[in-house]
PDB file of N, CA and C in Angstrom:
ATOM      1  N   PRO A   1     -22.445  40.558   4.314  1.00  0.00           N
ATOM      2  CA  PRO A   1     -21.076  40.439   4.805  1.00  0.00           C
ATOM      3  C   PRO A   1     -20.171  41.517   4.220  1.00  0.00           C
ATOM      4  N   GLU A   2     -19.114  41.819   4.931  1.00  0.00           N
ATOM      5  CA  GLU A   2     -18.121  42.769   4.427  1.00  0.00           C
ATOM      6  C   GLU A   2     -17.234  42.124   3.369  1.00  0.00           C
ATOM      7  N   LYS A   3     -16.980  40.825   3.544  1.00  0.00           N
ATOM      8  CA  LYS A   3     -16.123  40.086   2.616  1.00  0.00           C
ATOM      9  C   LYS A   3     -16.615  38.646   2.557  1.00  0.00           C
ATOM     10  N   ALA A   4     -16.604  38.064   1.349  1.00  0.00           N
ATOM     11  CA  ALA A   4     -16.966  36.654   1.186  1.00  0.00           C
ATOM     12  C   ALA A   4     -16.187  36.101  -0.006  1.00  0.00           C
ATOM     13  N   VAL A   5     -15.293  35.157   0.274  1.00  0.00           N
ATOM     14  CA  VAL A   5     -14.400  34.603  -0.749  1.00  0.00           C
ATOM     15  C   VAL A   5     -14.526  33.084  -0.739  1.00  0.00           C
ATOM     16  N   PHE A   6     -14.537  32.480  -1.926  1.00  0.00           N
ATOM     17  CA  PHE A   6     -14.618  31.029  -2.067  1.00  0.00           C
ATOM     18  C   PHE A   6     -13.577  30.592  -3.079  1.00  0.00           C
ATOM     19  N   ARG A   7     -12.706  29.623  -2.688  1.00  0.00           N
ATOM     20  CA  ARG A   7     -11.684  29.065  -3.586  1.00  0.00           C
ATOM     21  C   ARG A   7     -11.998  27.596  -3.819  1.00  0.00           C
ATOM     22  N   ILE A   8     -11.850  27.150  -5.074  1.00  0.00           N
ATOM     23  CA  ILE A   8     -12.267  25.798  -5.414  1.00  0.00           C
ATOM     24  C   ILE A   8     -11.495  25.253  -6.608  1.00  0.00           C
ATOM     25  N   CYS A   9     -11.268  23.944  -6.620  1.00  0.00           N
ATOM     26  CA  CYS A   9     -10.829  23.226  -7.813  1.00  0.00           C
ATOM     27  C   CYS A   9     -11.395  21.817  -7.748  1.00  0.00           C
ATOM     28  N   GLY A  10     -11.661  21.241  -8.913  1.00  0.00           N
ATOM     29  CA  GLY A  10     -12.256  19.914  -8.979  1.00  0.00           C
ATOM     30  C   GLY A  10     -11.615  19.076 -10.062  1.00  0.00           C
ATOM     31  N   ASP A  11     -11.645  17.783  -9.847  1.00  0.00           N
ATOM     32  CA  ASP A  11     -11.086  16.808 -10.788  1.00  0.00           C
ATOM     33  C   ASP A  11     -12.256  15.962 -11.310  1.00  0.00           C
ATOM     34  N   ASP A  12     -12.636  16.112 -12.508  1.00  0.00           N
ATOM     35  CA  ASP A  12     -12.058  16.768 -13.660  1.00  0.00           C
ATOM     36  C   ASP A  12     -12.538  18.215 -13.801  1.00  0.00           C
ATOM     37  N   ALA A  13     -13.770  18.499 -13.378  1.00  0.00           N
ATOM     38  CA  ALA A  13     -14.337  19.830 -13.547  1.00  0.00           C
ATOM     39  C   ALA A  13     -15.396  20.058 -12.469  1.00  0.00           C
ATOM     40  N   PHE A  14     -15.837  21.320 -12.322  1.00  0.00           N
ATOM     41  CA  PHE A  14     -16.875  21.642 -11.347  1.00  0.00           C
ATOM     42  C   PHE A  14     -17.734  22.792 -11.841  1.00  0.00           C
ATOM     43  N   LYS A  15     -18.911  22.893 -11.267  1.00  0.00           N
ATOM     44  CA  LYS A  15     -19.781  24.063 -11.393  1.00  0.00           C
ATOM     45  C   LYS A  15     -20.207  24.421  -9.978  1.00  0.00           C
ATOM     46  N   LEU A  16     -20.049  25.690  -9.616  1.00  0.00           N
ATOM     47  CA  LEU A  16     -20.365  26.165  -8.268  1.00  0.00           C
ATOM     48  C   LEU A  16     -21.638  27.001  -8.297  1.00  0.00           C
ATOM     49  N   TYR A  17     -22.565  26.663  -7.403  1.00  0.00           N
ATOM     50  CA  TYR A  17     -23.813  27.403  -7.240  1.00  0.00           C
ATOM     51  C   TYR A  17     -23.940  27.814  -5.786  1.00  0.00           C
ATOM     52  N   ILE A  18     -24.468  29.015  -5.559  1.00  0.00           N
ATOM     53  CA  ILE A  18     -24.809  29.465  -4.215  1.00  0.00           C
ATOM     54  C   ILE A  18     -26.247  29.964  -4.268  1.00  0.00           C
ATOM     55  N   ASN A  19     -27.087  29.385  -3.429  1.00  0.00           N
ATOM     56  CA  ASN A  19     -28.507  29.742  -3.391  1.00  0.00           C
ATOM     57  C   ASN A  19     -29.143  29.666  -4.777  1.00  0.00           C
ATOM     58  N   ASP A  20     -28.849  28.584  -5.482  1.00  0.00           N
ATOM     59  CA  ASP A  20     -29.396  28.285  -6.819  1.00  0.00           C
ATOM     60  C   ASP A  20     -28.932  29.236  -7.928  1.00  0.00           C
ATOM     61  N   LYS A  21     -27.911  30.033  -7.660  1.00  0.00           N
ATOM     62  CA  LYS A  21     -27.355  30.918  -8.691  1.00  0.00           C
ATOM     63  C   LYS A  21     -25.952  30.444  -9.056  1.00  0.00           C
ATOM     64  N   LYS A  22     -25.686  30.323 -10.350  1.00  0.00           N
ATOM     65  CA  LYS A  22     -24.370  29.856 -10.788  1.00  0.00           C
ATOM     66  C   LYS A  22     -23.333  30.932 -10.535  1.00  0.00           C
ATOM     67  N   VAL A  23     -22.267  30.551  -9.836  1.00  0.00           N
ATOM     68  CA  VAL A  23     -21.167  31.454  -9.521  1.00  0.00           C
ATOM     69  C   VAL A  23     -20.063  31.323 -10.560  1.00  0.00           C
ATOM     70  N   GLY A  24     -19.725  30.084 -10.926  1.00  0.00           N
ATOM     71  CA  GLY A  24     -18.645  29.870 -11.884  1.00  0.00           C
ATOM     72  C   GLY A  24     -18.403  28.394 -12.105  1.00  0.00           C
ATOM     73  N   GLU A  25     -17.421  28.109 -12.955  1.00  0.00           N
ATOM     74  CA  GLU A  25     -17.048  26.731 -13.253  1.00  0.00           C
ATOM     75  C   GLU A  25     -15.573  26.670 -13.591  1.00  0.00           C
ATOM     76  N   GLY A  26     -15.004  25.477 -13.458  1.00  0.00           N
ATOM     77  CA  GLY A  26     -13.592  25.289 -13.751  1.00  0.00           C
ATOM     78  C   GLY A  26     -13.342  23.925 -14.346  1.00  0.00           C
ATOM     79  N   TYR A  27     -12.256  23.828 -15.112  1.00  0.00           N
ATOM     80  CA  TYR A  27     -11.964  22.606 -15.864  1.00  0.00           C
ATOM     81  C   TYR A  27     -10.530  22.137 -15.718  1.00  0.00           C
ATOM     82  N   ASN A  28      -9.861  22.512 -14.630  1.00  0.00           N
ATOM     83  CA  ASN A  28      -8.474  22.107 -14.449  1.00  0.00           C
ATOM     84  C   ASN A  28      -8.230  21.886 -12.965  1.00  0.00           C
ATOM     85  N   CYS A  29      -7.959  20.637 -12.574  1.00  0.00           N
ATOM     86  CA  CYS A  29      -7.795  20.334 -11.148  1.00  0.00           C
ATOM     87  C   CYS A  29      -6.472  20.842 -10.587  1.00  0.00           C
ATOM     88  N   LYS A  30      -5.619  21.384 -11.413  1.00  0.00           N
ATOM     89  CA  LYS A  30      -4.344  21.933 -10.936  1.00  0.00           C
ATOM     90  C   LYS A  30      -4.420  23.444 -10.718  1.00  0.00           C
ATOM     91  N   ILE A  31      -5.585  24.031 -11.063  1.00  0.00           N
ATOM     92  CA  ILE A  31      -5.753  25.478 -10.910  1.00  0.00           C
ATOM     93  C   ILE A  31      -7.007  25.751 -10.087  1.00  0.00           C
ATOM     94  N   ALA A  32      -6.828  26.304  -8.897  1.00  0.00           N
ATOM     95  CA  ALA A  32      -7.963  26.707  -8.062  1.00  0.00           C
ATOM     96  C   ALA A  32      -8.450  28.073  -8.533  1.00  0.00           C
ATOM     97  N   GLN A  33      -9.750  28.268  -8.444  1.00  0.00           N
ATOM     98  CA  GLN A  33     -10.336  29.551  -8.807  1.00  0.00           C
ATOM     99  C   GLN A  33     -10.890  30.207  -7.557  1.00  0.00           C
ATOM    100  N   GLN A  34     -10.677  31.497  -7.449  1.00  0.00           N
ATOM    101  CA  GLN A  34     -11.185  32.254  -6.298  1.00  0.00           C
ATOM    102  C   GLN A  34     -12.278  33.188  -6.771  1.00  0.00           C
ATOM    103  N   TYR A  35     -13.402  33.165  -6.063  1.00  0.00           N
ATOM    104  CA  TYR A  35     -14.546  34.010  -6.402  1.00  0.00           C
ATOM    105  C   TYR A  35     -14.900  34.915  -5.234  1.00  0.00           C
ATOM    106  N   ASP A  36     -15.253  36.157  -5.545  1.00  0.00           N
ATOM    107  CA  ASP A  36     -15.869  37.050  -4.580  1.00  0.00           C
ATOM    108  C   ASP A  36     -17.360  36.705  -4.615  1.00  0.00           C
ATOM    109  N   VAL A  37     -17.879  36.084  -3.552  1.00  0.00           N
ATOM    110  CA  VAL A  37     -19.242  35.573  -3.566  1.00  0.00           C
ATOM    111  C   VAL A  37     -20.207  36.403  -2.714  1.00  0.00           C
ATOM    112  N   LYS A  38     -19.779  37.574  -2.312  1.00  0.00           N
ATOM    113  CA  LYS A  38     -20.593  38.410  -1.418  1.00  0.00           C
ATOM    114  C   LYS A  38     -21.994  38.650  -1.983  1.00  0.00           C
ATOM    115  N   ARG A  39     -22.110  38.920  -3.271  1.00  0.00           N
ATOM    116  CA  ARG A  39     -23.420  39.252  -3.846  1.00  0.00           C
ATOM    117  C   ARG A  39     -24.357  38.050  -3.965  1.00  0.00           C
ATOM    118  N   PHE A  40     -23.838  36.832  -3.785  1.00  0.00           N
ATOM    119  CA  PHE A  40     -24.661  35.625  -3.865  1.00  0.00           C
ATOM    120  C   PHE A  40     -25.249  35.229  -2.513  1.00  0.00           C
ATOM    121  N   LEU A  41     -24.766  35.846  -1.438  1.00  0.00           N
ATOM    122  CA  LEU A  41     -25.184  35.474  -0.090  1.00  0.00           C
ATOM    123  C   LEU A  41     -26.391  36.279   0.364  1.00  0.00           C
ATOM    124  N   LYS A  42     -27.165  35.691   1.276  1.00  0.00           N
ATOM    125  CA  LYS A  42     -28.338  36.341   1.842  1.00  0.00           C
ATOM    126  C   LYS A  42     -28.306  36.204   3.358  1.00  0.00           C
ATOM    127  N   GLN A  43     -29.165  36.912   4.046  1.00  0.00           N
ATOM    128  CA  GLN A  43     -29.291  36.768   5.497  1.00  0.00           C
ATOM    129  C   GLN A  43     -29.723  35.348   5.817  1.00  0.00           C
ATOM    130  N   GLY A  44     -29.223  34.776   6.900  1.00  0.00           N
ATOM    131  CA  GLY A  44     -29.621  33.437   7.310  1.00  0.00           C
ATOM    132  C   GLY A  44     -28.834  32.355   6.601  1.00  0.00           C
ATOM    133  N   GLU A  45     -29.473  31.223   6.360  1.00  0.00           N
ATOM    134  CA  GLU A  45     -28.811  30.057   5.766  1.00  0.00           C
ATOM    135  C   GLU A  45     -28.538  30.258   4.276  1.00  0.00           C
ATOM    136  N   ASN A  46     -27.356  29.840   3.846  1.00  0.00           N
ATOM    137  CA  ASN A  46     -26.966  29.880   2.441  1.00  0.00           C
ATOM    138  C   ASN A  46     -26.573  28.473   2.007  1.00  0.00           C
ATOM    139  N   ILE A  47     -27.002  28.081   0.814  1.00  0.00           N
ATOM    140  CA  ILE A  47     -26.719  26.750   0.293  1.00  0.00           C
ATOM    141  C   ILE A  47     -25.632  26.838  -0.776  1.00  0.00           C
ATOM    142  N   PHE A  48     -24.505  26.163  -0.523  1.00  0.00           N
ATOM    143  CA  PHE A  48     -23.426  26.031  -1.491  1.00  0.00           C
ATOM    144  C   PHE A  48     -23.568  24.652  -2.127  1.00  0.00           C
ATOM    145  N   PHE A  49     -23.722  24.605  -3.440  1.00  0.00           N
ATOM    146  CA  PHE A  49     -23.891  23.339  -4.156  1.00  0.00           C
ATOM    147  C   PHE A  49     -22.833  23.264  -5.249  1.00  0.00           C
ATOM    148  N   ILE A  50     -22.098  22.163  -5.284  1.00  0.00           N
ATOM    149  CA  ILE A  50     -21.038  21.994  -6.274  1.00  0.00           C
ATOM    150  C   ILE A  50     -21.332  20.750  -7.090  1.00  0.00           C
ATOM    151  N   GLU A  51     -21.459  20.934  -8.395  1.00  0.00           N
ATOM    152  CA  GLU A  51     -21.600  19.806  -9.308  1.00  0.00           C
ATOM    153  C   GLU A  51     -20.196  19.407  -9.741  1.00  0.00           C
ATOM    154  N   LEU A  52     -19.790  18.204  -9.395  1.00  0.00           N
ATOM    155  CA  LEU A  52     -18.465  17.706  -9.752  1.00  0.00           C
ATOM    156  C   LEU A  52     -18.604  16.822 -10.978  1.00  0.00           C
ATOM    157  N   ILE A  53     -17.851  17.123 -12.014  1.00  0.00           N
ATOM    158  CA  ILE A  53     -17.891  16.367 -13.266  1.00  0.00           C
ATOM    159  C   ILE A  53     -16.610  15.562 -13.364  1.00  0.00           C
ATOM    160  N   ASN A  54     -16.758  14.257 -13.525  1.00  0.00           N
ATOM    161  CA  ASN A  54     -15.593  13.380 -13.598  1.00  0.00           C
ATOM    162  C   ASN A  54     -15.717  12.484 -14.819  1.00  0.00           C
ATOM    163  N   HIS A  55     -14.680  12.470 -15.658  1.00  0.00           N
ATOM    164  CA  HIS A  55     -14.727  11.715 -16.909  1.00  0.00           C
ATOM    165  C   HIS A  55     -14.076  10.345 -16.804  1.00  0.00           C
ATOM    166  N   ALA A  56     -13.215  10.133 -15.832  1.00  0.00           N
ATOM    167  CA  ALA A  56     -12.535   8.843 -15.704  1.00  0.00           C
ATOM    168  C   ALA A  56     -12.001   8.690 -14.288  1.00  0.00           C
ATOM    169  N   SER A  57     -11.896   7.486 -13.833  1.00  0.00           N
ATOM    170  CA  SER A  57     -11.297   7.170 -12.542  1.00  0.00           C
ATOM    171  C   SER A  57     -12.070   7.842 -11.409  1.00  0.00           C
ATOM    172  N   VAL A  58     -11.371   8.289 -10.390  1.00  0.00           N
ATOM    173  CA  VAL A  58     -11.984   8.872  -9.201  1.00  0.00           C
ATOM    174  C   VAL A  58     -11.977  10.393  -9.309  1.00  0.00           C
ATOM    175  N   GLY A  59     -13.069  11.042  -8.933  1.00  0.00           N
ATOM    176  CA  GLY A  59     -13.143  12.499  -8.922  1.00  0.00           C
ATOM    177  C   GLY A  59     -12.590  13.052  -7.624  1.00  0.00           C
ATOM    178  N   GLY A  60     -12.337  14.336  -7.607  1.00  0.00           N
ATOM    179  CA  GLY A  60     -11.825  14.969  -6.402  1.00  0.00           C
ATOM    180  C   GLY A  60     -12.277  16.414  -6.311  1.00  0.00           C
ATOM    181  N   LEU A  61     -12.348  16.935  -5.095  1.00  0.00           N
ATOM    182  CA  LEU A  61     -12.823  18.286  -4.873  1.00  0.00           C
ATOM    183  C   LEU A  61     -12.071  18.906  -3.703  1.00  0.00           C
ATOM    184  N   LEU A  62     -11.612  20.123  -3.889  1.00  0.00           N
ATOM    185  CA  LEU A  62     -11.009  20.925  -2.818  1.00  0.00           C
ATOM    186  C   LEU A  62     -11.693  22.282  -2.806  1.00  0.00           C
ATOM    187  N   PHE A  63     -12.054  22.768  -1.621  1.00  0.00           N
ATOM    188  CA  PHE A  63     -12.565  24.128  -1.521  1.00  0.00           C
ATOM    189  C   PHE A  63     -12.276  24.693  -0.145  1.00  0.00           C
ATOM    190  N   GLU A  64     -12.281  26.014  -0.079  1.00  0.00           N
ATOM    191  CA  GLU A  64     -12.165  26.724   1.185  1.00  0.00           C
ATOM    192  C   GLU A  64     -12.765  28.100   0.992  1.00  0.00           C
ATOM    193  N   GLY A  65     -13.172  28.702   2.094  1.00  0.00           N
ATOM    194  CA  GLY A  65     -13.756  30.029   1.989  1.00  0.00           C
ATOM    195  C   GLY A  65     -13.724  30.766   3.304  1.00  0.00           C
ATOM    196  N   GLU A  66     -13.973  32.066   3.209  1.00  0.00           N
ATOM    197  CA  GLU A  66     -14.069  32.936   4.379  1.00  0.00           C
ATOM    198  C   GLU A  66     -15.209  33.905   4.156  1.00  0.00           C
ATOM    199  N   ILE A  67     -15.991  34.101   5.209  1.00  0.00           N
ATOM    200  CA  ILE A  67     -17.046  35.108   5.210  1.00  0.00           C
ATOM    201  C   ILE A  67     -16.807  35.985   6.428  1.00  0.00           C
ATOM    202  N   SER A  68     -16.705  37.291   6.208  1.00  0.00           N
ATOM    203  CA  SER A  68     -16.425  38.230   7.294  1.00  0.00           C
ATOM    204  C   SER A  68     -17.552  39.247   7.418  1.00  0.00           C
ATOM    205  N   THR A  69     -18.025  39.426   8.644  1.00  0.00           N
ATOM    206  CA  THR A  69     -18.991  40.470   8.960  1.00  0.00           C
ATOM    207  C   THR A  69     -18.388  41.344  10.055  1.00  0.00           C
ATOM    208  N   ALA A  70     -19.116  42.363  10.458  1.00  0.00           N
ATOM    209  CA  ALA A  70     -18.636  43.226  11.533  1.00  0.00           C
ATOM    210  C   ALA A  70     -18.531  42.461  12.851  1.00  0.00           C
ATOM    211  N   LYS A  71     -19.326  41.392  12.999  1.00  0.00           N
ATOM    212  CA  LYS A  71     -19.375  40.656  14.262  1.00  0.00           C
ATOM    213  C   LYS A  71     -18.554  39.376  14.286  1.00  0.00           C
ATOM    214  N   GLN A  72     -18.308  38.760  13.112  1.00  0.00           N
ATOM    215  CA  GLN A  72     -17.606  37.472  13.133  1.00  0.00           C
ATOM    216  C   GLN A  72     -16.928  37.152  11.809  1.00  0.00           C
ATOM    217  N   ASN A  73     -15.977  36.234  11.893  1.00  0.00           N
ATOM    218  CA  ASN A  73     -15.313  35.674  10.716  1.00  0.00           C
ATOM    219  C   ASN A  73     -15.604  34.177  10.700  1.00  0.00           C
ATOM    220  N   ILE A  74     -16.065  33.681   9.564  1.00  0.00           N
ATOM    221  CA  ILE A  74     -16.374  32.266   9.407  1.00  0.00           C
ATOM    222  C   ILE A  74     -15.473  31.708   8.323  1.00  0.00           C
ATOM    223  N   SER A  75     -14.742  30.641   8.636  1.00  0.00           N
ATOM    224  CA  SER A  75     -13.902  29.950   7.663  1.00  0.00           C
ATOM    225  C   SER A  75     -14.421  28.533   7.495  1.00  0.00           C
ATOM    226  N   PHE A  76     -14.299  28.001   6.290  1.00  0.00           N
ATOM    227  CA  PHE A  76     -14.716  26.624   6.046  1.00  0.00           C
ATOM    228  C   PHE A  76     -13.833  26.010   4.970  1.00  0.00           C
ATOM    229  N   VAL A  77     -13.656  24.690   5.047  1.00  0.00           N
ATOM    230  CA  VAL A  77     -12.817  23.950   4.096  1.00  0.00           C
ATOM    231  C   VAL A  77     -13.483  22.616   3.772  1.00  0.00           C
ATOM    232  N   SER A  78     -13.140  22.078   2.608  1.00  0.00           N
ATOM    233  CA  SER A  78     -13.589  20.731   2.284  1.00  0.00           C
ATOM    234  C   SER A  78     -12.900  19.758   3.223  1.00  0.00           C
ATOM    235  N   GLY A  79     -13.566  18.665   3.520  1.00  0.00           N
ATOM    236  CA  GLY A  79     -12.991  17.690   4.434  1.00  0.00           C
ATOM    237  C   GLY A  79     -14.015  16.676   4.872  1.00  0.00           C
ATOM    238  N   GLU A  80     -13.829  16.160   6.063  1.00  0.00           N
ATOM    239  CA  GLU A  80     -14.661  15.053   6.529  1.00  0.00           C
ATOM    240  C   GLU A  80     -16.134  15.413   6.691  1.00  0.00           C
ATOM    241  N   LYS A  81     -16.467  16.699   6.812  1.00  0.00           N
ATOM    242  CA  LYS A  81     -17.871  17.107   6.937  1.00  0.00           C
ATOM    243  C   LYS A  81     -18.521  17.391   5.583  1.00  0.00           C
ATOM    244  N   THR A  82     -17.744  17.350   4.506  1.00  0.00           N
ATOM    245  CA  THR A  82     -18.284  17.535   3.160  1.00  0.00           C
ATOM    246  C   THR A  82     -19.041  16.263   2.776  1.00  0.00           C
ATOM    247  N   LEU A  83     -20.232  16.418   2.228  1.00  0.00           N
ATOM    248  CA  LEU A  83     -21.028  15.261   1.824  1.00  0.00           C
ATOM    249  C   LEU A  83     -21.176  15.199   0.310  1.00  0.00           C
ATOM    250  N   PHE A  84     -21.241  13.976  -0.228  1.00  0.00           N
ATOM    251  CA  PHE A  84     -21.367  13.744  -1.660  1.00  0.00           C
ATOM    252  C   PHE A  84     -22.600  12.904  -1.949  1.00  0.00           C
ATOM    253  N   SER A  85     -23.180  13.113  -3.135  1.00  0.00           N
ATOM    254  CA  SER A  85     -24.326  12.332  -3.588  1.00  0.00           C
ATOM    255  C   SER A  85     -24.228  12.165  -5.094  1.00  0.00           C
ATOM    256  N   GLU A  86     -24.586  10.993  -5.591  1.00  0.00           N
ATOM    257  CA  GLU A  86     -24.554  10.756  -7.047  1.00  0.00           C
ATOM    258  C   GLU A  86     -25.577  11.623  -7.776  1.00  0.00           C
ATOM    259  N   ASN A  87     -26.731  11.873  -7.145  1.00  0.00           N
ATOM    260  CA  ASN A  87     -27.781  12.635  -7.820  1.00  0.00           C
ATOM    261  C   ASN A  87     -28.000  14.031  -7.236  1.00  0.00           C
ATOM    262  N   GLY A  88     -27.275  14.379  -6.172  1.00  0.00           N
ATOM    263  CA  GLY A  88     -27.400  15.705  -5.566  1.00  0.00           C
ATOM    264  C   GLY A  88     -28.662  15.898  -4.750  1.00  0.00           C
ATOM    265  N   LYS A  89     -29.416  14.810  -4.502  1.00  0.00           N
ATOM    266  CA  LYS A  89     -30.679  14.927  -3.780  1.00  0.00           C
ATOM    267  C   LYS A  89     -30.798  13.964  -2.604  1.00  0.00           C
ATOM    268  N   SER A  90     -30.149  12.801  -2.707  1.00  0.00           N
ATOM    269  CA  SER A  90     -30.300  11.796  -1.660  1.00  0.00           C
ATOM    270  C   SER A  90     -29.046  10.938  -1.568  1.00  0.00           C
ATOM    271  N   ASP A  91     -29.041  10.030  -0.584  1.00  0.00           N
ATOM    272  CA  ASP A  91     -27.918   9.115  -0.379  1.00  0.00           C
ATOM    273  C   ASP A  91     -26.591   9.845  -0.210  1.00  0.00           C
ATOM    274  N   TRP A  92     -26.565  10.876   0.645  1.00  0.00           N
ATOM    275  CA  TRP A  92     -25.364  11.657   0.901  1.00  0.00           C
ATOM    276  C   TRP A  92     -24.361  10.819   1.697  1.00  0.00           C
ATOM    277  N   THR A  93     -23.104  10.823   1.270  1.00  0.00           N
ATOM    278  CA  THR A  93     -22.065  10.030   1.929  1.00  0.00           C
ATOM    279  C   THR A  93     -20.842  10.895   2.222  1.00  0.00           C
ATOM    280  N   ALA A  94     -20.054  10.430   3.164  1.00  0.00           N
ATOM    281  CA  ALA A  94     -18.811  11.121   3.520  1.00  0.00           C
ATOM    282  C   ALA A  94     -17.751  10.861   2.450  1.00  0.00           C
ATOM    283  N   PRO A  95     -16.777  11.758   2.327  1.00  0.00           N
ATOM    284  CA  PRO A  95     -15.733  11.593   1.309  1.00  0.00           C
ATOM    285  C   PRO A  95     -14.628  10.638   1.747  1.00  0.00           C
ATOM    286  N   HIS A  96     -13.852  10.203   0.778  1.00  0.00           N
ATOM    287  CA  HIS A  96     -12.570   9.549   1.053  1.00  0.00           C
ATOM    288  C   HIS A  96     -11.541  10.671   1.054  1.00  0.00           C
ATOM    289  N   LEU A  97     -10.811  10.849   2.133  1.00  0.00           N
ATOM    290  CA  LEU A  97      -9.850  11.941   2.238  1.00  0.00           C
ATOM    291  C   LEU A  97      -8.469  11.465   1.802  1.00  0.00           C
ATOM    292  N   ALA A  98      -7.938  12.096   0.733  1.00  0.00           N
ATOM    293  CA  ALA A  98      -6.618  11.726   0.215  1.00  0.00           C
ATOM    294  C   ALA A  98      -5.513  12.550   0.861  1.00  0.00           C
ATOM    295  N   GLY A  99      -5.849  13.724   1.376  1.00  0.00           N
ATOM    296  CA  GLY A  99      -4.853  14.604   1.975  1.00  0.00           C
ATOM    297  C   GLY A  99      -4.900  15.975   1.344  1.00  0.00           C
ATOM    298  N   SER A 100      -4.175  16.897   1.912  1.00  0.00           N
ATOM    299  CA  SER A 100      -4.118  18.271   1.411  1.00  0.00           C
ATOM    300  C   SER A 100      -3.018  18.401   0.375  1.00  0.00           C
ATOM    301  N   PRO A 101      -3.203  19.299  -0.596  1.00  0.00           N
ATOM    302  CA  PRO A 101      -2.136  19.529  -1.576  1.00  0.00           C
ATOM    303  C   PRO A 101      -0.860  19.938  -0.860  1.00  0.00           C
ATOM    304  N   PRO A 102       0.285  19.568  -1.306  1.00  0.00           N
ATOM    305  CA  PRO A 102       0.564  18.998  -2.625  1.00  0.00           C
ATOM    306  C   PRO A 102       0.550  17.480  -2.682  1.00  0.00           C
ATOM    307  N   THR A 103      -0.134  16.811  -1.779  1.00  0.00           N
ATOM    308  CA  THR A 103      -0.182  15.355  -1.816  1.00  0.00           C
ATOM    309  C   THR A 103      -0.852  14.850  -3.099  1.00  0.00           C
ATOM    310  N   SER A 104      -0.581  13.608  -3.460  1.00  0.00           N
ATOM    311  CA  SER A 104      -1.215  12.989  -4.617  1.00  0.00           C
ATOM    312  C   SER A 104      -2.703  12.832  -4.316  1.00  0.00           C
ATOM    313  N   PRO A 105      -3.602  13.013  -5.226  1.00  0.00           N
ATOM    314  CA  PRO A 105      -3.381  13.211  -6.656  1.00  0.00           C
ATOM    315  C   PRO A 105      -3.238  14.662  -7.071  1.00  0.00           C
ATOM    316  N   TRP A 106      -3.289  15.608  -6.124  1.00  0.00           N
ATOM    317  CA  TRP A 106      -3.369  17.016  -6.477  1.00  0.00           C
ATOM    318  C   TRP A 106      -2.046  17.609  -6.962  1.00  0.00           C
ATOM    319  N   GLY A 107      -0.975  17.397  -6.233  1.00  0.00           N
ATOM    320  CA  GLY A 107       0.260  18.100  -6.559  1.00  0.00           C
ATOM    321  C   GLY A 107       0.092  19.571  -6.220  1.00  0.00           C
ATOM    322  N   PRO A 108       1.020  20.420  -6.681  1.00  0.00           N
ATOM    323  CA  PRO A 108       0.892  21.865  -6.409  1.00  0.00           C
ATOM    324  C   PRO A 108      -0.331  22.439  -7.121  1.00  0.00           C
ATOM    325  N   ILE A 109      -0.994  23.383  -6.467  1.00  0.00           N
ATOM    326  CA  ILE A 109      -2.188  24.012  -7.039  1.00  0.00           C
ATOM    327  C   ILE A 109      -1.931  25.505  -7.194  1.00  0.00           C
ATOM    328  N   ASN A 110      -2.206  26.030  -8.366  1.00  0.00           N
ATOM    329  CA  ASN A 110      -2.100  27.458  -8.640  1.00  0.00           C
ATOM    330  C   ASN A 110      -3.462  28.109  -8.397  1.00  0.00           C
ATOM    331  N   LEU A 111      -3.512  29.439  -8.358  1.00  0.00           N
ATOM    332  CA  LEU A 111      -4.745  30.155  -8.048  1.00  0.00           C
ATOM    333  C   LEU A 111      -5.027  31.206  -9.117  1.00  0.00           C
ATOM    334  N   ILE A 112      -6.279  31.208  -9.588  1.00  0.00           N
ATOM    335  CA  ILE A 112      -6.769  32.266 -10.493  1.00  0.00           C
ATOM    336  C   ILE A 112      -7.903  32.964  -9.758  1.00  0.00           C
ATOM    337  N   ILE A 113      -7.959  34.288  -9.796  1.00  0.00           N
ATOM    338  CA  ILE A 113      -8.966  35.050  -9.074  1.00  0.00           C
ATOM    339  C   ILE A 113      -9.998  35.587 -10.066  1.00  0.00           C
ATOM    340  N   PHE A 114     -11.283  35.275  -9.787  1.00  0.00           N
ATOM    341  CA  PHE A 114     -12.408  35.758 -10.591  1.00  0.00           C
ATOM    342  C   PHE A 114     -13.297  36.594  -9.710  1.00  0.00           C
ATOM    343  N   ASN A 115     -13.920  37.599 -10.269  1.00  0.00           N
ATOM    344  CA  ASN A 115     -14.911  38.401  -9.569  1.00  0.00           C
ATOM    345  C   ASN A 115     -16.160  38.471 -10.430  1.00  0.00           C
ATOM    346  N   PRO A 116     -17.041  37.439 -10.329  1.00  0.00           N
ATOM    347  CA  PRO A 116     -18.210  37.393 -11.218  1.00  0.00           C
ATOM    348  C   PRO A 116     -19.174  38.533 -10.964  1.00  0.00           C
TER     349      PRO A 116
END
């Protein structure tokens, strides 16, 4: 791709992997992190896996991304098509949607840009 960007924040924390390679991690649900993920992508199907770490109450996850090639632009966001699993292998379920920021529990979200 010519461009590939992924923005994410998790409550309480997250680790982001693409095609089994660790991209980054974050520990503040009020600060989204942006990654240039072009070097993690391959031709064909790519697997984005997010480990969400939650220490108390209900966890939460927000993400969005864009992948641009000469032929197309692909955008994606967390939402009703995002699936969750307690063990990351089975029993995948749909999320409970609380709403987009700045709705509770998120409030305003700031952005930090990383280029791993």
